[in-house]
Amino acid sequence: MQRIILTYGLIAGLVVGVPLFLMGTLMADNPPSGTIGMAIGYLIMLVAFTAIFAGVKQHRDHHCGGAIRFLPAFGMGVAITLIASLVYVLAWEAVLAVNGGDYIAQMAAQMIEEKRASGASPAEIAALSNQMAQMQGYYANPLLRVLITMSEILPIGLLVALVAALLLRNPRFMAATPGQP
């Protein structure tokens, strides 16, 4: 089971980490932003986390006789999620290392400029500036930065692990041999 967890966790991590690294380094000057950027990021995460489903199903079909209980399936999904999330965090840290680690300062300047261009009041701009300064303080602490980055991906993986465990606990759901549990 550990081999399956490690294999599928690394697969999911690479599926999400490689695009993150490539977009963060190759497209650093003009990355997809706003709603489009978030949609692309979360779509890549969902695609990556199909590895949870595949890993739990493989374990169920080949090592559990075609049946798995909810908690072992969910635990396996969580373990795959943790490995993939760690790879995601490492990919983001690599992006910061390549780009000089000034991501929050660059993002703050861009957001403040967009706010100014949209005609925001000086009070709104000052409030955003204060928020971004606070975020820069958090991001300067490596532990907080890792936790912030982990919070982007972990909930998606936990949700996919939950759905996979709920579906795959039914031995008739996508049975290895049609008509047999």
N, C-alpha and C. Protein backbone atom coordinates (compact mmCIF):
# COMPACT_ATOMS: atom_id res chain seq x y z
N MET A 1 0.83 -1.19 0.00
CA MET A 1 0.00 0.00 0.00
C MET A 1 0.88 1.26 0.00
N GLN A 2 2.01 1.24 0.74
CA GLN A 2 2.86 2.42 0.78
C GLN A 2 3.41 2.75 -0.60
N ARG A 3 3.72 1.71 -1.36
CA ARG A 3 4.26 1.94 -2.71
C ARG A 3 3.20 2.63 -3.59
N ILE A 4 1.96 2.19 -3.48
CA ILE A 4 0.87 2.81 -4.25
C ILE A 4 0.69 4.26 -3.83
N ILE A 5 0.71 4.51 -2.52
CA ILE A 5 0.56 5.87 -2.01
C ILE A 5 1.68 6.76 -2.52
N LEU A 6 2.90 6.29 -2.41
CA LEU A 6 4.04 7.08 -2.87
C LEU A 6 3.99 7.32 -4.38
N THR A 7 3.70 6.27 -5.13
CA THR A 7 3.65 6.40 -6.59
C THR A 7 2.59 7.39 -7.03
N TYR A 8 1.37 7.22 -6.53
CA TYR A 8 0.28 8.10 -6.96
C TYR A 8 0.40 9.50 -6.36
N GLY A 9 0.99 9.60 -5.17
CA GLY A 9 1.24 10.91 -4.60
C GLY A 9 2.25 11.69 -5.43
N LEU A 10 3.30 11.01 -5.88
CA LEU A 10 4.30 11.67 -6.72
C LEU A 10 3.74 12.01 -8.10
N ILE A 11 2.91 11.13 -8.63
CA ILE A 11 2.27 11.43 -9.93
C ILE A 11 1.42 12.69 -9.80
N ALA A 12 0.57 12.73 -8.78
CA ALA A 12 -0.28 13.91 -8.57
C ALA A 12 0.57 15.15 -8.32
N GLY A 13 1.62 15.00 -7.54
CA GLY A 13 2.50 16.13 -7.26
C GLY A 13 3.18 16.66 -8.50
N LEU A 14 3.62 15.78 -9.36
CA LEU A 14 4.26 16.22 -10.60
C LEU A 14 3.26 16.86 -11.55
N VAL A 15 2.05 16.29 -11.61
CA VAL A 15 1.02 16.86 -12.50
C VAL A 15 0.67 18.28 -12.07
N VAL A 16 0.70 18.56 -10.78
CA VAL A 16 0.38 19.91 -10.32
C VAL A 16 1.63 20.78 -10.17
N GLY A 17 2.76 20.17 -9.83
CA GLY A 17 3.97 20.94 -9.58
C GLY A 17 4.69 21.42 -10.82
N VAL A 18 4.73 20.58 -11.85
CA VAL A 18 5.44 20.98 -13.08
C VAL A 18 4.78 22.19 -13.74
N PRO A 19 3.44 22.19 -13.94
CA PRO A 19 2.82 23.40 -14.52
C PRO A 19 3.01 24.63 -13.63
N LEU A 20 2.94 24.45 -12.31
CA LEU A 20 3.15 25.57 -11.39
C LEU A 20 4.55 26.15 -11.59
N PHE A 21 5.54 25.29 -11.65
CA PHE A 21 6.91 25.75 -11.83
C PHE A 21 7.08 26.42 -13.19
N LEU A 22 6.55 25.81 -14.24
CA LEU A 22 6.70 26.37 -15.58
C LEU A 22 5.99 27.72 -15.70
N MET A 23 4.76 27.80 -15.19
CA MET A 23 4.05 29.08 -15.26
C MET A 23 4.71 30.12 -14.37
N GLY A 24 5.22 29.69 -13.23
CA GLY A 24 5.86 30.63 -12.31
C GLY A 24 7.20 31.14 -12.77
N THR A 25 7.88 30.38 -13.62
CA THR A 25 9.20 30.82 -14.08
C THR A 25 9.16 31.33 -15.52
N LEU A 26 8.55 30.58 -16.41
CA LEU A 26 8.53 30.98 -17.81
C LEU A 26 7.56 32.12 -18.09
N MET A 27 6.48 32.15 -17.31
CA MET A 27 5.46 33.18 -17.50
C MET A 27 5.47 34.18 -16.35
N ALA A 28 6.59 34.32 -15.67
CA ALA A 28 6.66 35.17 -14.48
C ALA A 28 6.29 36.62 -14.77
N ASP A 29 6.61 37.10 -15.96
CA ASP A 29 6.31 38.49 -16.30
C ASP A 29 4.84 38.71 -16.64
N ASN A 30 4.17 37.68 -17.12
CA ASN A 30 2.78 37.82 -17.53
C ASN A 30 1.99 36.54 -17.24
N PRO A 31 1.85 36.17 -15.96
CA PRO A 31 1.12 34.93 -15.65
C PRO A 31 -0.38 35.14 -15.81
N PRO A 32 -1.13 34.05 -16.01
CA PRO A 32 -2.58 34.19 -16.02
C PRO A 32 -3.01 34.70 -14.64
N SER A 33 -3.85 35.72 -14.61
CA SER A 33 -4.21 36.29 -13.32
C SER A 33 -5.72 36.32 -13.14
N GLY A 34 -6.12 36.73 -11.96
CA GLY A 34 -7.53 36.87 -11.64
C GLY A 34 -8.26 35.54 -11.70
N THR A 35 -9.49 35.60 -12.15
CA THR A 35 -10.35 34.43 -12.20
C THR A 35 -9.79 33.36 -13.14
N ILE A 36 -9.24 33.78 -14.26
CA ILE A 36 -8.68 32.83 -15.22
C ILE A 36 -7.51 32.06 -14.60
N GLY A 37 -6.61 32.77 -13.96
CA GLY A 37 -5.47 32.12 -13.32
C GLY A 37 -5.90 31.14 -12.24
N MET A 38 -6.87 31.53 -11.41
CA MET A 38 -7.36 30.63 -10.37
C MET A 38 -8.04 29.42 -10.98
N ALA A 39 -8.84 29.63 -12.00
CA ALA A 39 -9.54 28.51 -12.65
C ALA A 39 -8.54 27.51 -13.23
N ILE A 40 -7.51 28.01 -13.89
CA ILE A 40 -6.49 27.13 -14.46
C ILE A 40 -5.80 26.35 -13.34
N GLY A 41 -5.43 27.04 -12.27
CA GLY A 41 -4.75 26.40 -11.15
C GLY A 41 -5.58 25.30 -10.51
N TYR A 42 -6.85 25.59 -10.23
CA TYR A 42 -7.69 24.60 -9.57
C TYR A 42 -8.08 23.46 -10.52
N LEU A 43 -8.19 23.73 -11.80
CA LEU A 43 -8.44 22.67 -12.77
C LEU A 43 -7.25 21.71 -12.81
N ILE A 44 -6.05 22.26 -12.81
CA ILE A 44 -4.85 21.41 -12.79
C ILE A 44 -4.82 20.57 -11.52
N MET A 45 -5.21 21.16 -10.38
CA MET A 45 -5.24 20.41 -9.13
C MET A 45 -6.24 19.26 -9.21
N LEU A 46 -7.41 19.52 -9.75
CA LEU A 46 -8.42 18.45 -9.88
C LEU A 46 -7.92 17.33 -10.78
N VAL A 47 -7.31 17.70 -11.89
CA VAL A 47 -6.76 16.68 -12.79
C VAL A 47 -5.69 15.88 -12.06
N ALA A 48 -4.82 16.55 -11.33
CA ALA A 48 -3.75 15.86 -10.60
C ALA A 48 -4.33 14.90 -9.57
N PHE A 49 -5.39 15.32 -8.91
CA PHE A 49 -5.95 14.49 -7.84
C PHE A 49 -6.80 13.34 -8.34
N THR A 50 -6.93 13.18 -9.65
CA THR A 50 -7.54 11.94 -10.13
C THR A 50 -6.63 10.76 -9.77
N ALA A 51 -5.37 11.06 -9.46
CA ALA A 51 -4.44 10.02 -9.01
C ALA A 51 -4.92 9.40 -7.69
N ILE A 52 -5.63 10.15 -6.88
CA ILE A 52 -6.19 9.59 -5.64
C ILE A 52 -7.16 8.49 -5.99
N PHE A 53 -8.07 8.80 -6.88
CA PHE A 53 -9.07 7.83 -7.30
C PHE A 53 -8.40 6.59 -7.88
N ALA A 54 -7.43 6.81 -8.77
CA ALA A 54 -6.75 5.68 -9.42
C ALA A 54 -5.97 4.84 -8.41
N GLY A 55 -5.29 5.48 -7.47
CA GLY A 55 -4.52 4.74 -6.48
C GLY A 55 -5.39 3.93 -5.54
N VAL A 56 -6.47 4.53 -5.04
CA VAL A 56 -7.37 3.80 -4.14
C VAL A 56 -8.04 2.66 -4.88
N LYS A 57 -8.45 2.89 -6.11
CA LYS A 57 -9.10 1.84 -6.90
C LYS A 57 -8.13 0.70 -7.17
N GLN A 58 -6.89 1.02 -7.51
CA GLN A 58 -5.90 -0.03 -7.75
C GLN A 58 -5.71 -0.88 -6.49
N HIS A 59 -5.58 -0.21 -5.34
CA HIS A 59 -5.42 -0.94 -4.08
C HIS A 59 -6.64 -1.81 -3.80
N ARG A 60 -7.81 -1.25 -3.98
CA ARG A 60 -9.05 -2.01 -3.74
C ARG A 60 -9.13 -3.24 -4.64
N ASP A 61 -8.86 -3.05 -5.92
CA ASP A 61 -9.05 -4.13 -6.89
C ASP A 61 -7.95 -5.19 -6.85
N HIS A 62 -6.72 -4.79 -6.54
CA HIS A 62 -5.61 -5.73 -6.63
C HIS A 62 -5.11 -6.25 -5.29
N HIS A 63 -5.41 -5.56 -4.21
CA HIS A 63 -4.87 -5.97 -2.91
C HIS A 63 -5.94 -6.22 -1.85
N CYS A 64 -7.17 -5.82 -2.12
CA CYS A 64 -8.23 -5.97 -1.12
C CYS A 64 -9.35 -6.87 -1.62
N GLY A 65 -9.13 -7.58 -2.67
CA GLY A 65 -10.16 -8.49 -3.17
C GLY A 65 -11.38 -7.79 -3.74
N GLY A 66 -11.23 -6.56 -4.16
CA GLY A 66 -12.34 -5.84 -4.78
C GLY A 66 -13.23 -5.07 -3.83
N ALA A 67 -12.86 -5.04 -2.54
CA ALA A 67 -13.68 -4.31 -1.56
C ALA A 67 -12.75 -3.55 -0.61
N ILE A 68 -13.13 -2.33 -0.28
CA ILE A 68 -12.37 -1.52 0.67
C ILE A 68 -13.36 -0.73 1.52
N ARG A 69 -13.04 -0.59 2.78
CA ARG A 69 -13.90 0.17 3.68
C ARG A 69 -13.59 1.66 3.52
N PHE A 70 -14.50 2.50 4.03
CA PHE A 70 -14.38 3.94 3.86
C PHE A 70 -13.09 4.50 4.47
N LEU A 71 -12.84 4.19 5.75
CA LEU A 71 -11.69 4.81 6.42
C LEU A 71 -10.34 4.44 5.80
N PRO A 72 -10.09 3.18 5.47
CA PRO A 72 -8.81 2.90 4.78
C PRO A 72 -8.71 3.60 3.43
N ALA A 73 -9.81 3.67 2.69
CA ALA A 73 -9.79 4.36 1.40
C ALA A 73 -9.54 5.85 1.59
N PHE A 74 -10.20 6.45 2.57
CA PHE A 74 -10.03 7.87 2.84
C PHE A 74 -8.60 8.14 3.33
N GLY A 75 -8.10 7.29 4.22
CA GLY A 75 -6.73 7.46 4.72
C GLY A 75 -5.71 7.38 3.60
N MET A 76 -5.93 6.48 2.68
CA MET A 76 -5.02 6.36 1.54
C MET A 76 -5.10 7.62 0.68
N GLY A 77 -6.29 8.14 0.46
CA GLY A 77 -6.47 9.38 -0.30
C GLY A 77 -5.80 10.56 0.38
N VAL A 78 -5.90 10.62 1.70
CA VAL A 78 -5.25 11.70 2.46
C VAL A 78 -3.73 11.59 2.33
N ALA A 79 -3.21 10.39 2.41
CA ALA A 79 -1.75 10.20 2.28
C ALA A 79 -1.27 10.63 0.89
N ILE A 80 -2.01 10.26 -0.15
CA ILE A 80 -1.66 10.68 -1.50
C ILE A 80 -1.71 12.21 -1.59
N THR A 81 -2.73 12.80 -0.99
CA THR A 81 -2.88 14.25 -0.98
C THR A 81 -1.70 14.93 -0.30
N LEU A 82 -1.26 14.39 0.82
CA LEU A 82 -0.14 15.00 1.55
C LEU A 82 1.15 14.97 0.72
N ILE A 83 1.40 13.86 0.05
CA ILE A 83 2.61 13.77 -0.78
C ILE A 83 2.52 14.75 -1.94
N ALA A 84 1.37 14.79 -2.62
CA ALA A 84 1.20 15.72 -3.74
C ALA A 84 1.31 17.17 -3.26
N SER A 85 0.77 17.46 -2.10
CA SER A 85 0.83 18.82 -1.55
C SER A 85 2.26 19.21 -1.23
N LEU A 86 3.04 18.26 -0.73
CA LEU A 86 4.44 18.54 -0.44
C LEU A 86 5.20 18.86 -1.73
N VAL A 87 4.93 18.11 -2.79
CA VAL A 87 5.58 18.39 -4.08
C VAL A 87 5.17 19.77 -4.58
N TYR A 88 3.89 20.12 -4.40
CA TYR A 88 3.38 21.44 -4.80
C TYR A 88 4.12 22.54 -4.05
N VAL A 89 4.29 22.37 -2.75
CA VAL A 89 5.00 23.37 -1.94
C VAL A 89 6.45 23.48 -2.40
N LEU A 90 7.09 22.35 -2.67
CA LEU A 90 8.48 22.39 -3.14
C LEU A 90 8.59 23.08 -4.50
N ALA A 91 7.61 22.85 -5.37
CA ALA A 91 7.60 23.52 -6.68
C ALA A 91 7.45 25.03 -6.49
N TRP A 92 6.58 25.45 -5.57
CA TRP A 92 6.40 26.88 -5.33
C TRP A 92 7.66 27.50 -4.74
N GLU A 93 8.30 26.80 -3.82
CA GLU A 93 9.55 27.31 -3.24
C GLU A 93 10.62 27.43 -4.33
N ALA A 94 10.62 26.50 -5.28
CA ALA A 94 11.57 26.58 -6.39
C ALA A 94 11.27 27.79 -7.26
N VAL A 95 9.98 28.08 -7.50
CA VAL A 95 9.60 29.27 -8.27
C VAL A 95 10.11 30.53 -7.56
N LEU A 96 9.91 30.59 -6.26
CA LEU A 96 10.38 31.76 -5.50
C LEU A 96 11.90 31.89 -5.56
N ALA A 97 12.60 30.76 -5.49
CA ALA A 97 14.06 30.79 -5.55
C ALA A 97 14.54 31.28 -6.92
N VAL A 98 13.90 30.82 -7.98
CA VAL A 98 14.30 31.23 -9.33
C VAL A 98 13.97 32.70 -9.57
N ASN A 99 12.83 33.16 -9.08
CA ASN A 99 12.38 34.53 -9.33
C ASN A 99 12.86 35.53 -8.29
N GLY A 100 13.62 35.11 -7.32
CA GLY A 100 14.14 36.03 -6.33
C GLY A 100 13.29 36.17 -5.09
N GLY A 101 12.19 35.47 -4.98
CA GLY A 101 11.38 35.45 -3.77
C GLY A 101 10.60 36.71 -3.47
N ASP A 102 10.46 37.61 -4.42
CA ASP A 102 9.75 38.86 -4.20
C ASP A 102 8.31 38.81 -4.70
N TYR A 103 7.72 37.64 -4.69
CA TYR A 103 6.39 37.44 -5.28
C TYR A 103 5.34 38.35 -4.66
N ILE A 104 5.26 38.40 -3.35
CA ILE A 104 4.22 39.18 -2.68
C ILE A 104 4.39 40.67 -2.96
N ALA A 105 5.62 41.15 -2.98
CA ALA A 105 5.85 42.58 -3.29
C ALA A 105 5.39 42.90 -4.71
N GLN A 106 5.70 42.02 -5.64
CA GLN A 106 5.27 42.23 -7.03
C GLN A 106 3.75 42.17 -7.14
N MET A 107 3.15 41.16 -6.47
CA MET A 107 1.69 41.03 -6.49
C MET A 107 1.03 42.26 -5.85
N ALA A 108 1.59 42.74 -4.76
CA ALA A 108 1.04 43.91 -4.07
C ALA A 108 1.07 45.13 -4.97
N ALA A 109 2.20 45.36 -5.62
CA ALA A 109 2.31 46.51 -6.52
C ALA A 109 1.30 46.42 -7.66
N GLN A 110 1.14 45.21 -8.22
CA GLN A 110 0.18 45.03 -9.31
C GLN A 110 -1.25 45.26 -8.84
N MET A 111 -1.60 44.71 -7.68
CA MET A 111 -2.96 44.88 -7.16
C MET A 111 -3.26 46.35 -6.83
N ILE A 112 -2.30 47.03 -6.25
CA ILE A 112 -2.50 48.45 -5.89
C ILE A 112 -2.65 49.28 -7.16
N GLU A 113 -1.85 48.99 -8.18
CA GLU A 113 -1.96 49.71 -9.45
C GLU A 113 -3.31 49.45 -10.12
N GLU A 114 -3.78 48.22 -10.08
CA GLU A 114 -5.10 47.90 -10.65
C GLU A 114 -6.20 48.62 -9.88
N LYS A 115 -6.06 48.71 -8.58
CA LYS A 115 -7.04 49.40 -7.74
C LYS A 115 -7.07 50.89 -8.08
N ARG A 116 -5.88 51.48 -8.24
CA ARG A 116 -5.78 52.89 -8.62
C ARG A 116 -6.44 53.13 -9.98
N ALA A 117 -6.12 52.25 -10.93
CA ALA A 117 -6.63 52.40 -12.30
C ALA A 117 -8.16 52.26 -12.35
N SER A 118 -8.72 51.52 -11.40
CA SER A 118 -10.18 51.34 -11.40
C SER A 118 -10.90 52.50 -10.72
N GLY A 119 -10.12 53.48 -10.23
CA GLY A 119 -10.73 54.67 -9.63
C GLY A 119 -11.04 54.53 -8.16
N ALA A 120 -10.33 53.66 -7.47
CA ALA A 120 -10.57 53.47 -6.04
C ALA A 120 -10.16 54.71 -5.26
N SER A 121 -10.80 54.88 -4.12
CA SER A 121 -10.50 56.03 -3.27
C SER A 121 -9.14 55.83 -2.59
N PRO A 122 -8.53 56.92 -2.12
CA PRO A 122 -7.26 56.80 -1.38
C PRO A 122 -7.39 55.90 -0.15
N ALA A 123 -8.54 55.92 0.51
CA ALA A 123 -8.74 55.07 1.69
C ALA A 123 -8.73 53.59 1.30
N GLU A 124 -9.35 53.24 0.17
CA GLU A 124 -9.37 51.85 -0.30
C GLU A 124 -7.96 51.39 -0.67
N ILE A 125 -7.23 52.28 -1.31
CA ILE A 125 -5.85 51.95 -1.70
C ILE A 125 -4.98 51.77 -0.46
N ALA A 126 -5.16 52.63 0.53
CA ALA A 126 -4.39 52.52 1.78
C ALA A 126 -4.73 51.21 2.51
N ALA A 127 -6.00 50.84 2.52
CA ALA A 127 -6.41 49.59 3.18
C ALA A 127 -5.78 48.39 2.48
N LEU A 128 -5.80 48.38 1.15
CA LEU A 128 -5.17 47.29 0.40
C LEU A 128 -3.66 47.27 0.64
N SER A 129 -3.06 48.42 0.67
CA SER A 129 -1.62 48.51 0.92
C SER A 129 -1.27 47.93 2.29
N ASN A 130 -2.09 48.23 3.30
CA ASN A 130 -1.86 47.68 4.65
C ASN A 130 -2.02 46.16 4.67
N GLN A 131 -3.05 45.67 3.97
CA GLN A 131 -3.26 44.22 3.90
C GLN A 131 -2.07 43.53 3.23
N MET A 132 -1.59 44.10 2.16
CA MET A 132 -0.48 43.50 1.44
C MET A 132 0.81 43.56 2.26
N ALA A 133 1.00 44.61 3.04
CA ALA A 133 2.18 44.71 3.91
C ALA A 133 2.12 43.60 4.97
N GLN A 134 0.93 43.36 5.51
CA GLN A 134 0.76 42.28 6.48
C GLN A 134 1.05 40.93 5.82
N MET A 135 0.57 40.73 4.60
CA MET A 135 0.82 39.48 3.88
C MET A 135 2.31 39.30 3.62
N GLN A 136 3.02 40.38 3.29
CA GLN A 136 4.47 40.29 3.09
C GLN A 136 5.17 39.83 4.37
N GLY A 137 4.69 40.31 5.50
CA GLY A 137 5.25 39.88 6.78
C GLY A 137 5.05 38.39 7.01
N TYR A 138 3.84 37.90 6.72
CA TYR A 138 3.56 36.47 6.86
C TYR A 138 4.44 35.66 5.91
N TYR A 139 4.54 36.13 4.68
CA TYR A 139 5.26 35.39 3.64
C TYR A 139 6.76 35.36 3.89
N ALA A 140 7.28 36.30 4.67
CA ALA A 140 8.71 36.32 4.99
C ALA A 140 9.08 35.18 5.94
N ASN A 141 8.11 34.68 6.69
CA ASN A 141 8.34 33.56 7.59
C ASN A 141 8.18 32.26 6.79
N PRO A 142 9.25 31.46 6.64
CA PRO A 142 9.16 30.25 5.81
C PRO A 142 8.07 29.27 6.25
N LEU A 143 7.88 29.11 7.55
CA LEU A 143 6.85 28.18 8.03
C LEU A 143 5.45 28.67 7.62
N LEU A 144 5.18 29.95 7.82
CA LEU A 144 3.88 30.49 7.42
C LEU A 144 3.70 30.43 5.91
N ARG A 145 4.77 30.67 5.15
CA ARG A 145 4.70 30.60 3.69
C ARG A 145 4.33 29.19 3.24
N VAL A 146 4.94 28.18 3.87
CA VAL A 146 4.63 26.78 3.53
C VAL A 146 3.17 26.48 3.87
N LEU A 147 2.71 26.94 5.03
CA LEU A 147 1.32 26.70 5.42
C LEU A 147 0.33 27.41 4.49
N ILE A 148 0.67 28.63 4.09
CA ILE A 148 -0.19 29.36 3.15
C ILE A 148 -0.26 28.62 1.82
N THR A 149 0.89 28.16 1.33
CA THR A 149 0.93 27.44 0.06
C THR A 149 0.17 26.12 0.18
N MET A 150 0.36 25.42 1.29
CA MET A 150 -0.33 24.15 1.52
C MET A 150 -1.85 24.36 1.57
N SER A 151 -2.27 25.50 2.09
CA SER A 151 -3.72 25.75 2.20
C SER A 151 -4.39 25.95 0.85
N GLU A 152 -3.61 26.17 -0.19
CA GLU A 152 -4.17 26.31 -1.53
C GLU A 152 -4.60 24.96 -2.10
N ILE A 153 -3.84 23.92 -1.83
CA ILE A 153 -4.04 22.64 -2.48
C ILE A 153 -4.68 21.59 -1.58
N LEU A 154 -4.38 21.62 -0.31
CA LEU A 154 -4.83 20.57 0.61
C LEU A 154 -6.35 20.39 0.64
N PRO A 155 -7.15 21.45 0.72
CA PRO A 155 -8.60 21.23 0.76
C PRO A 155 -9.15 20.52 -0.49
N ILE A 156 -8.57 20.81 -1.64
CA ILE A 156 -9.02 20.16 -2.87
C ILE A 156 -8.73 18.67 -2.80
N GLY A 157 -7.52 18.31 -2.37
CA GLY A 157 -7.16 16.91 -2.24
C GLY A 157 -8.01 16.18 -1.22
N LEU A 158 -8.30 16.82 -0.10
CA LEU A 158 -9.14 16.19 0.92
C LEU A 158 -10.56 15.95 0.40
N LEU A 159 -11.07 16.89 -0.36
CA LEU A 159 -12.40 16.72 -0.95
C LEU A 159 -12.41 15.56 -1.95
N VAL A 160 -11.39 15.49 -2.80
CA VAL A 160 -11.32 14.39 -3.76
C VAL A 160 -11.14 13.05 -3.03
N ALA A 161 -10.33 13.03 -1.97
CA ALA A 161 -10.15 11.80 -1.19
C ALA A 161 -11.48 11.35 -0.57
N LEU A 162 -12.25 12.29 -0.08
CA LEU A 162 -13.56 11.98 0.50
C LEU A 162 -14.49 11.38 -0.55
N VAL A 163 -14.58 12.02 -1.70
CA VAL A 163 -15.46 11.52 -2.77
C VAL A 163 -14.99 10.15 -3.25
N ALA A 164 -13.68 9.98 -3.44
CA ALA A 164 -13.15 8.69 -3.88
C ALA A 164 -13.47 7.58 -2.88
N ALA A 165 -13.29 7.87 -1.58
CA ALA A 165 -13.58 6.87 -0.56
C ALA A 165 -15.06 6.52 -0.51
N LEU A 166 -15.91 7.53 -0.67
CA LEU A 166 -17.36 7.27 -0.66
C LEU A 166 -17.77 6.41 -1.85
N LEU A 167 -17.21 6.69 -3.01
CA LEU A 167 -17.58 5.93 -4.21
C LEU A 167 -16.95 4.53 -4.22
N LEU A 168 -15.68 4.45 -3.90
CA LEU A 168 -14.96 3.18 -4.05
C LEU A 168 -15.23 2.19 -2.92
N ARG A 169 -15.88 2.61 -1.85
CA ARG A 169 -16.23 1.64 -0.81
C ARG A 169 -17.31 0.69 -1.30
N ASN A 170 -18.03 1.08 -2.36
CA ASN A 170 -19.02 0.20 -2.98
C ASN A 170 -18.29 -0.73 -3.94
N PRO A 171 -18.24 -2.02 -3.66
CA PRO A 171 -17.46 -2.93 -4.51
C PRO A 171 -18.00 -3.05 -5.94
N ARG A 172 -19.24 -2.67 -6.16
CA ARG A 172 -19.82 -2.73 -7.51
C ARG A 172 -19.48 -1.50 -8.34
N PHE A 173 -19.04 -0.43 -7.68
CA PHE A 173 -18.68 0.79 -8.41
C PHE A 173 -17.37 0.57 -9.13
N MET A 174 -17.42 0.57 -10.42
CA MET A 174 -16.24 0.36 -11.28
C MET A 174 -15.48 -0.89 -10.85
N ALA A 175 -16.20 -1.98 -10.72
CA ALA A 175 -15.58 -3.25 -10.32
C ALA A 175 -14.51 -3.63 -11.34
N ALA A 176 -13.48 -4.33 -10.84
CA ALA A 176 -12.37 -4.75 -11.70
C ALA A 176 -12.86 -5.64 -12.83
N THR A 177 -13.78 -6.54 -12.53
CA THR A 177 -14.38 -7.40 -13.54
C THR A 177 -15.86 -7.09 -13.57
N PRO A 178 -16.40 -6.66 -14.71
CA PRO A 178 -17.82 -6.31 -14.76
C PRO A 178 -18.71 -7.43 -14.24
N GLY A 179 -19.65 -7.03 -13.38
CA GLY A 179 -20.63 -7.97 -12.82
C GLY A 179 -20.15 -8.65 -11.54
N GLN A 180 -18.89 -8.48 -11.18
CA GLN A 180 -18.39 -9.07 -9.95
C GLN A 180 -17.96 -7.97 -9.00
N PRO A 181 -18.17 -8.16 -7.71
CA PRO A 181 -17.71 -7.17 -6.73
C PRO A 181 -16.22 -7.13 -6.62
